[in-house]
Amino acid sequence: MESKRARATRAVRIAATLAEWYPDDNHGGLAFHDPFELLVATILSAQCTDVKVNDVVPALFKRYPDAASLAKARQADV
């Protein structure tokens, strides 16, 4: 079994290799700043295009900047 440090080192090497192989990758076209935004954008992208998701998420994240605020939102408001 790999140690925690070995897994972290391996993950860094993998990320560096991917960055080298795909230097212009823009995360699949979705705009996000943190894991929460990536998760929401990914879920929304299953329902429509990445372009449309990127159009609507700035207002969504302004109103609901984190998971706790989004969880409290009424479905009709989202």
PDB file of N, CA and C in Angstrom:
ATOM      1  N   MET A   1       0.837  -1.182   0.000  1.00  0.00           N
ATOM      2  CA  MET A   1       0.000   0.000   0.000  1.00  0.00           C
ATOM      3  C   MET A   1       0.881   1.244   0.000  1.00  0.00           C
ATOM      4  N   GLU A   2       0.540   2.195  -0.863  1.00  0.00           N
ATOM      5  CA  GLU A   2       1.304   3.432  -0.980  1.00  0.00           C
ATOM      6  C   GLU A   2       1.108   4.312   0.249  1.00  0.00           C
ATOM      7  N   SER A   3       2.160   4.977   0.649  1.00  0.00           N
ATOM      8  CA  SER A   3       2.039   5.927   1.756  1.00  0.00           C
ATOM      9  C   SER A   3       1.336   7.190   1.252  1.00  0.00           C
ATOM     10  N   LYS A   4       0.873   7.972   2.187  1.00  0.00           N
ATOM     11  CA  LYS A   4       0.201   9.229   1.852  1.00  0.00           C
ATOM     12  C   LYS A   4       1.143  10.137   1.061  1.00  0.00           C
ATOM     13  N   ARG A   5       2.396  10.205   1.488  1.00  0.00           N
ATOM     14  CA  ARG A   5       3.384  11.042   0.806  1.00  0.00           C
ATOM     15  C   ARG A   5       3.635  10.533  -0.616  1.00  0.00           C
ATOM     16  N   ALA A   6       3.726   9.223  -0.783  1.00  0.00           N
ATOM     17  CA  ALA A   6       3.955   8.648  -2.108  1.00  0.00           C
ATOM     18  C   ALA A   6       2.778   8.932  -3.036  1.00  0.00           C
ATOM     19  N   ARG A   7       1.558   8.837  -2.519  1.00  0.00           N
ATOM     20  CA  ARG A   7       0.363   9.144  -3.331  1.00  0.00           C
ATOM     21  C   ARG A   7       0.367  10.602  -3.749  1.00  0.00           C
ATOM     22  N   ALA A   8       0.730  11.491  -2.825  1.00  0.00           N
ATOM     23  CA  ALA A   8       0.766  12.924  -3.137  1.00  0.00           C
ATOM     24  C   ALA A   8       1.817  13.208  -4.205  1.00  0.00           C
ATOM     25  N   THR A   9       2.976  12.600  -4.069  1.00  0.00           N
ATOM     26  CA  THR A   9       4.047  12.777  -5.051  1.00  0.00           C
ATOM     27  C   THR A   9       3.608  12.260  -6.418  1.00  0.00           C
ATOM     28  N   ARG A  10       2.966  11.110  -6.409  1.00  0.00           N
ATOM     29  CA  ARG A  10       2.478  10.525  -7.667  1.00  0.00           C
ATOM     30  C   ARG A  10       1.422  11.436  -8.303  1.00  0.00           C
ATOM     31  N   ALA A  11       0.530  11.993  -7.499  1.00  0.00           N
ATOM     32  CA  ALA A  11      -0.510  12.883  -8.013  1.00  0.00           C
ATOM     33  C   ALA A  11       0.108  14.130  -8.640  1.00  0.00           C
ATOM     34  N   VAL A  12       1.135  14.673  -8.022  1.00  0.00           N
ATOM     35  CA  VAL A  12       1.812  15.855  -8.563  1.00  0.00           C
ATOM     36  C   VAL A  12       2.458  15.522  -9.903  1.00  0.00           C
ATOM     37  N   ARG A  13       3.097  14.347 -10.000  1.00  0.00           N
ATOM     38  CA  ARG A  13       3.716  13.930 -11.262  1.00  0.00           C
ATOM     39  C   ARG A  13       2.664  13.762 -12.355  1.00  0.00           C
ATOM     40  N   ILE A  14       1.533  13.169 -12.019  1.00  0.00           N
ATOM     41  CA  ILE A  14       0.457  12.971 -12.992  1.00  0.00           C
ATOM     42  C   ILE A  14      -0.071  14.319 -13.465  1.00  0.00           C
ATOM     43  N   ALA A  15      -0.311  15.232 -12.527  1.00  0.00           N
ATOM     44  CA  ALA A  15      -0.812  16.563 -12.892  1.00  0.00           C
ATOM     45  C   ALA A  15       0.177  17.293 -13.792  1.00  0.00           C
ATOM     46  N   ALA A  16       1.457  17.188 -13.487  1.00  0.00           N
ATOM     47  CA  ALA A  16       2.481  17.836 -14.314  1.00  0.00           C
ATOM     48  C   ALA A  16       2.510  17.240 -15.725  1.00  0.00           C
ATOM     49  N   THR A  17       2.387  15.934 -15.813  1.00  0.00           N
ATOM     50  CA  THR A  17       2.370  15.277 -17.121  1.00  0.00           C
ATOM     51  C   THR A  17       1.149  15.709 -17.920  1.00  0.00           C
ATOM     52  N   LEU A  18       0.002  15.746 -17.294  1.00  0.00           N
ATOM     53  CA  LEU A  18      -1.217  16.182 -17.996  1.00  0.00           C
ATOM     54  C   LEU A  18      -1.096  17.628 -18.458  1.00  0.00           C
ATOM     55  N   ALA A  19      -0.533  18.492 -17.623  1.00  0.00           N
ATOM     56  CA  ALA A  19      -0.338  19.895 -18.002  1.00  0.00           C
ATOM     57  C   ALA A  19       0.609  20.006 -19.192  1.00  0.00           C
ATOM     58  N   GLU A  20       1.606  19.129 -19.238  1.00  0.00           N
ATOM     59  CA  GLU A  20       2.542  19.122 -20.367  1.00  0.00           C
ATOM     60  C   GLU A  20       1.858  18.624 -21.630  1.00  0.00           C
ATOM     61  N   TRP A  21       1.081  17.565 -21.521  1.00  0.00           N
ATOM     62  CA  TRP A  21       0.403  16.990 -22.684  1.00  0.00           C
ATOM     63  C   TRP A  21      -0.733  17.866 -23.200  1.00  0.00           C
ATOM     64  N   TYR A  22      -1.419  18.557 -22.288  1.00  0.00           N
ATOM     65  CA  TYR A  22      -2.585  19.363 -22.649  1.00  0.00           C
ATOM     66  C   TYR A  22      -2.413  20.788 -22.127  1.00  0.00           C
ATOM     67  N   PRO A  23      -1.451  21.539 -22.667  1.00  0.00           N
ATOM     68  CA  PRO A  23      -1.145  22.857 -22.104  1.00  0.00           C
ATOM     69  C   PRO A  23      -2.258  23.887 -22.281  1.00  0.00           C
ATOM     70  N   ASP A  24      -3.085  23.734 -23.280  1.00  0.00           N
ATOM     71  CA  ASP A  24      -4.130  24.717 -23.536  1.00  0.00           C
ATOM     72  C   ASP A  24      -5.498  24.279 -23.040  1.00  0.00           C
ATOM     73  N   ASP A  25      -5.544  23.214 -22.276  1.00  0.00           N
ATOM     74  CA  ASP A  25      -6.830  22.719 -21.778  1.00  0.00           C
ATOM     75  C   ASP A  25      -7.445  23.748 -20.847  1.00  0.00           C
ATOM     76  N   ASN A  26      -8.707  24.030 -21.049  1.00  0.00           N
ATOM     77  CA  ASN A  26      -9.406  25.003 -20.207  1.00  0.00           C
ATOM     78  C   ASN A  26     -10.461  24.302 -19.355  1.00  0.00           C
ATOM     79  N   HIS A  27     -10.112  23.161 -18.813  1.00  0.00           N
ATOM     80  CA  HIS A  27     -10.981  22.402 -17.918  1.00  0.00           C
ATOM     81  C   HIS A  27     -12.263  21.961 -18.605  1.00  0.00           C
ATOM     82  N   GLY A  28     -12.171  21.625 -19.877  1.00  0.00           N
ATOM     83  CA  GLY A  28     -13.336  21.107 -20.570  1.00  0.00           C
ATOM     84  C   GLY A  28     -14.324  22.166 -20.991  1.00  0.00           C
ATOM     85  N   GLY A  29     -13.962  23.415 -20.886  1.00  0.00           N
ATOM     86  CA  GLY A  29     -14.844  24.485 -21.317  1.00  0.00           C
ATOM     87  C   GLY A  29     -15.672  25.094 -20.215  1.00  0.00           C
ATOM     88  N   LEU A  30     -15.715  24.493 -19.047  1.00  0.00           N
ATOM     89  CA  LEU A  30     -16.490  25.043 -17.945  1.00  0.00           C
ATOM     90  C   LEU A  30     -15.658  26.065 -17.176  1.00  0.00           C
ATOM     91  N   ALA A  31     -16.289  27.172 -16.821  1.00  0.00           N
ATOM     92  CA  ALA A  31     -15.614  28.197 -16.025  1.00  0.00           C
ATOM     93  C   ALA A  31     -15.902  27.934 -14.543  1.00  0.00           C
ATOM     94  N   PHE A  32     -14.846  27.883 -13.730  1.00  0.00           N
ATOM     95  CA  PHE A  32     -15.022  27.663 -12.298  1.00  0.00           C
ATOM     96  C   PHE A  32     -13.799  28.171 -11.560  1.00  0.00           C
ATOM     97  N   HIS A  33     -13.962  28.416 -10.251  1.00  0.00           N
ATOM     98  CA  HIS A  33     -12.869  28.924  -9.425  1.00  0.00           C
ATOM     99  C   HIS A  33     -12.506  27.999  -8.271  1.00  0.00           C
ATOM    100  N   ASP A  34     -13.392  27.064  -7.947  1.00  0.00           N
ATOM    101  CA  ASP A  34     -13.134  26.171  -6.819  1.00  0.00           C
ATOM    102  C   ASP A  34     -13.922  24.874  -7.021  1.00  0.00           C
ATOM    103  N   PRO A  35     -13.686  23.886  -6.180  1.00  0.00           N
ATOM    104  CA  PRO A  35     -14.369  22.593  -6.361  1.00  0.00           C
ATOM    105  C   PRO A  35     -15.894  22.687  -6.330  1.00  0.00           C
ATOM    106  N   PHE A  36     -16.460  23.542  -5.484  1.00  0.00           N
ATOM    107  CA  PHE A  36     -17.914  23.713  -5.436  1.00  0.00           C
ATOM    108  C   PHE A  36     -18.441  24.173  -6.793  1.00  0.00           C
ATOM    109  N   GLU A  37     -17.819  25.193  -7.358  1.00  0.00           N
ATOM    110  CA  GLU A  37     -18.268  25.706  -8.652  1.00  0.00           C
ATOM    111  C   GLU A  37     -18.103  24.657  -9.748  1.00  0.00           C
ATOM    112  N   LEU A  38     -17.015  23.892  -9.699  1.00  0.00           N
ATOM    113  CA  LEU A  38     -16.822  22.830 -10.689  1.00  0.00           C
ATOM    114  C   LEU A  38     -17.918  21.782 -10.584  1.00  0.00           C
ATOM    115  N   LEU A  39     -18.265  21.393  -9.363  1.00  0.00           N
ATOM    116  CA  LEU A  39     -19.314  20.394  -9.175  1.00  0.00           C
ATOM    117  C   LEU A  39     -20.644  20.882  -9.736  1.00  0.00           C
ATOM    118  N   VAL A  40     -21.037  22.100  -9.389  1.00  0.00           N
ATOM    119  CA  VAL A  40     -22.314  22.644  -9.866  1.00  0.00           C
ATOM    120  C   VAL A  40     -22.295  22.784 -11.387  1.00  0.00           C
ATOM    121  N   ALA A  41     -21.213  23.317 -11.926  1.00  0.00           N
ATOM    122  CA  ALA A  41     -21.121  23.493 -13.377  1.00  0.00           C
ATOM    123  C   ALA A  41     -21.182  22.148 -14.105  1.00  0.00           C
ATOM    124  N   THR A  42     -20.551  21.139 -13.546  1.00  0.00           N
ATOM    125  CA  THR A  42     -20.569  19.810 -14.157  1.00  0.00           C
ATOM    126  C   THR A  42     -21.977  19.227 -14.160  1.00  0.00           C
ATOM    127  N   ILE A  43     -22.675  19.376 -13.058  1.00  0.00           N
ATOM    128  CA  ILE A  43     -24.053  18.878 -12.989  1.00  0.00           C
ATOM    129  C   ILE A  43     -24.924  19.605 -14.006  1.00  0.00           C
ATOM    130  N   LEU A  44     -24.781  20.920 -14.086  1.00  0.00           N
ATOM    131  CA  LEU A  44     -25.574  21.691 -15.041  1.00  0.00           C
ATOM    132  C   LEU A  44     -25.219  21.346 -16.481  1.00  0.00           C
ATOM    133  N   SER A  45     -23.957  21.037 -16.739  1.00  0.00           N
ATOM    134  CA  SER A  45     -23.540  20.758 -18.115  1.00  0.00           C
ATOM    135  C   SER A  45     -24.149  19.463 -18.645  1.00  0.00           C
ATOM    136  N   ALA A  46     -24.627  18.616 -17.764  1.00  0.00           N
ATOM    137  CA  ALA A  46     -25.309  17.400 -18.213  1.00  0.00           C
ATOM    138  C   ALA A  46     -26.681  17.732 -18.794  1.00  0.00           C
ATOM    139  N   GLN A  47     -27.168  18.927 -18.505  1.00  0.00           N
ATOM    140  CA  GLN A  47     -28.504  19.315 -18.952  1.00  0.00           C
ATOM    141  C   GLN A  47     -28.483  20.245 -20.166  1.00  0.00           C
ATOM    142  N   CYS A  48     -27.348  20.882 -20.431  1.00  0.00           N
ATOM    143  CA  CYS A  48     -27.247  21.809 -21.558  1.00  0.00           C
ATOM    144  C   CYS A  48     -25.782  21.966 -21.948  1.00  0.00           C
ATOM    145  N   THR A  49     -25.478  22.925 -22.786  1.00  0.00           N
ATOM    146  CA  THR A  49     -24.108  23.101 -23.263  1.00  0.00           C
ATOM    147  C   THR A  49     -23.234  23.812 -22.231  1.00  0.00           C
ATOM    148  N   ASP A  50     -21.924  23.598 -22.351  1.00  0.00           N
ATOM    149  CA  ASP A  50     -20.981  24.292 -21.484  1.00  0.00           C
ATOM    150  C   ASP A  50     -21.071  25.806 -21.673  1.00  0.00           C
ATOM    151  N   VAL A  51     -21.323  26.233 -22.901  1.00  0.00           N
ATOM    152  CA  VAL A  51     -21.443  27.671 -23.177  1.00  0.00           C
ATOM    153  C   VAL A  51     -22.602  28.261 -22.379  1.00  0.00           C
ATOM    154  N   LYS A  52     -23.742  27.578 -22.375  1.00  0.00           N
ATOM    155  CA  LYS A  52     -24.909  28.070 -21.628  1.00  0.00           C
ATOM    156  C   LYS A  52     -24.633  28.045 -20.128  1.00  0.00           C
ATOM    157  N   VAL A  53     -23.982  26.984 -19.652  1.00  0.00           N
ATOM    158  CA  VAL A  53     -23.629  26.901 -18.232  1.00  0.00           C
ATOM    159  C   VAL A  53     -22.770  28.101 -17.854  1.00  0.00           C
ATOM    160  N   ASN A  54     -21.753  28.391 -18.656  1.00  0.00           N
ATOM    161  CA  ASN A  54     -20.872  29.521 -18.367  1.00  0.00           C
ATOM    162  C   ASN A  54     -21.604  30.855 -18.408  1.00  0.00           C
ATOM    163  N   ASP A  55     -22.700  30.927 -19.167  1.00  0.00           N
ATOM    164  CA  ASP A  55     -23.515  32.155 -19.207  1.00  0.00           C
ATOM    165  C   ASP A  55     -24.287  32.365 -17.913  1.00  0.00           C
ATOM    166  N   VAL A  56     -24.781  31.274 -17.317  1.00  0.00           N
ATOM    167  CA  VAL A  56     -25.680  31.416 -16.166  1.00  0.00           C
ATOM    168  C   VAL A  56     -25.006  31.310 -14.805  1.00  0.00           C
ATOM    169  N   VAL A  57     -23.866  30.618 -14.722  1.00  0.00           N
ATOM    170  CA  VAL A  57     -23.282  30.400 -13.395  1.00  0.00           C
ATOM    171  C   VAL A  57     -22.753  31.649 -12.692  1.00  0.00           C
ATOM    172  N   PRO A  58     -22.293  32.687 -13.396  1.00  0.00           N
ATOM    173  CA  PRO A  58     -21.851  33.864 -12.632  1.00  0.00           C
ATOM    174  C   PRO A  58     -22.949  34.439 -11.732  1.00  0.00           C
ATOM    175  N   ALA A  59     -24.156  34.555 -12.251  1.00  0.00           N
ATOM    176  CA  ALA A  59     -25.260  35.066 -11.432  1.00  0.00           C
ATOM    177  C   ALA A  59     -25.639  34.068 -10.343  1.00  0.00           C
ATOM    178  N   LEU A  60     -25.608  32.774 -10.676  1.00  0.00           N
ATOM    179  CA  LEU A  60     -25.934  31.745  -9.689  1.00  0.00           C
ATOM    180  C   LEU A  60     -24.933  31.773  -8.537  1.00  0.00           C
ATOM    181  N   PHE A  61     -23.649  31.844  -8.842  1.00  0.00           N
ATOM    182  CA  PHE A  61     -22.626  31.837  -7.795  1.00  0.00           C
ATOM    183  C   PHE A  61     -22.567  33.156  -7.035  1.00  0.00           C
ATOM    184  N   LYS A  62     -23.008  34.234  -7.659  1.00  0.00           N
ATOM    185  CA  LYS A  62     -23.085  35.505  -6.934  1.00  0.00           C
ATOM    186  C   LYS A  62     -24.171  35.419  -5.860  1.00  0.00           C
ATOM    187  N   ARG A  63     -25.291  34.809  -6.216  1.00  0.00           N
ATOM    188  CA  ARG A  63     -26.404  34.676  -5.272  1.00  0.00           C
ATOM    189  C   ARG A  63     -26.180  33.554  -4.267  1.00  0.00           C
ATOM    190  N   TYR A  64     -25.565  32.471  -4.727  1.00  0.00           N
ATOM    191  CA  TYR A  64     -25.299  31.300  -3.880  1.00  0.00           C
ATOM    192  C   TYR A  64     -23.812  30.953  -3.981  1.00  0.00           C
ATOM    193  N   PRO A  65     -22.962  31.613  -3.212  1.00  0.00           N
ATOM    194  CA  PRO A  65     -21.509  31.450  -3.366  1.00  0.00           C
ATOM    195  C   PRO A  65     -20.914  30.161  -2.804  1.00  0.00           C
ATOM    196  N   ASP A  66     -21.716  29.400  -2.074  1.00  0.00           N
ATOM    197  CA  ASP A  66     -21.181  28.164  -1.493  1.00  0.00           C
ATOM    198  C   ASP A  66     -22.292  27.134  -1.359  1.00  0.00           C
ATOM    199  N   ALA A  67     -21.901  25.929  -0.999  1.00  0.00           N
ATOM    200  CA  ALA A  67     -22.857  24.826  -0.913  1.00  0.00           C
ATOM    201  C   ALA A  67     -23.936  25.089   0.139  1.00  0.00           C
ATOM    202  N   ALA A  68     -23.565  25.697   1.256  1.00  0.00           N
ATOM    203  CA  ALA A  68     -24.542  25.951   2.322  1.00  0.00           C
ATOM    204  C   ALA A  68     -25.641  26.903   1.847  1.00  0.00           C
ATOM    205  N   SER A  69     -25.269  27.968   1.159  1.00  0.00           N
ATOM    206  CA  SER A  69     -26.283  28.917   0.692  1.00  0.00           C
ATOM    207  C   SER A  69     -27.147  28.308  -0.408  1.00  0.00           C
ATOM    208  N   LEU A  70     -26.550  27.501  -1.271  1.00  0.00           N
ATOM    209  CA  LEU A  70     -27.330  26.847  -2.320  1.00  0.00           C
ATOM    210  C   LEU A  70     -28.281  25.812  -1.721  1.00  0.00           C
ATOM    211  N   ALA A  71     -27.838  25.121  -0.686  1.00  0.00           N
ATOM    212  CA  ALA A  71     -28.690  24.122  -0.033  1.00  0.00           C
ATOM    213  C   ALA A  71     -29.922  24.749   0.601  1.00  0.00           C
ATOM    214  N   LYS A  72     -29.816  25.986   1.045  1.00  0.00           N
ATOM    215  CA  LYS A  72     -30.937  26.690   1.677  1.00  0.00           C
ATOM    216  C   LYS A  72     -31.891  27.329   0.660  1.00  0.00           C
ATOM    217  N   ALA A  73     -31.485  27.385  -0.590  1.00  0.00           N
ATOM    218  CA  ALA A  73     -32.279  28.042  -1.618  1.00  0.00           C
ATOM    219  C   ALA A  73     -33.528  27.257  -1.941  1.00  0.00           C
ATOM    220  N   ARG A  74     -34.571  27.989  -2.308  1.00  0.00           N
ATOM    221  CA  ARG A  74     -35.786  27.338  -2.799  1.00  0.00           C
ATOM    222  C   ARG A  74     -35.520  26.865  -4.227  1.00  0.00           C
ATOM    223  N   GLN A  75     -36.017  25.703  -4.550  1.00  0.00           N
ATOM    224  CA  GLN A  75     -35.787  25.133  -5.889  1.00  0.00           C
ATOM    225  C   GLN A  75     -36.285  26.089  -6.969  1.00  0.00           C
ATOM    226  N   ALA A  76     -37.407  26.712  -6.750  1.00  0.00           N
ATOM    227  CA  ALA A  76     -37.972  27.633  -7.746  1.00  0.00           C
ATOM    228  C   ALA A  76     -37.056  28.835  -7.977  1.00  0.00           C
ATOM    229  N   ASP A  77     -36.296  29.238  -6.955  1.00  0.00           N
ATOM    230  CA  ASP A  77     -35.391  30.371  -7.106  1.00  0.00           C
ATOM    231  C   ASP A  77     -34.123  30.013  -7.866  1.00  0.00           C
ATOM    232  N   VAL A  78     -33.753  28.755  -7.766  1.00  0.00           N
ATOM    233  CA  VAL A  78     -32.529  28.326  -8.460  1.00  0.00           C
ATOM    234  C   VAL A  78     -32.838  28.090  -9.914  1.00  0.00           C
TER     235      VAL A  78
END
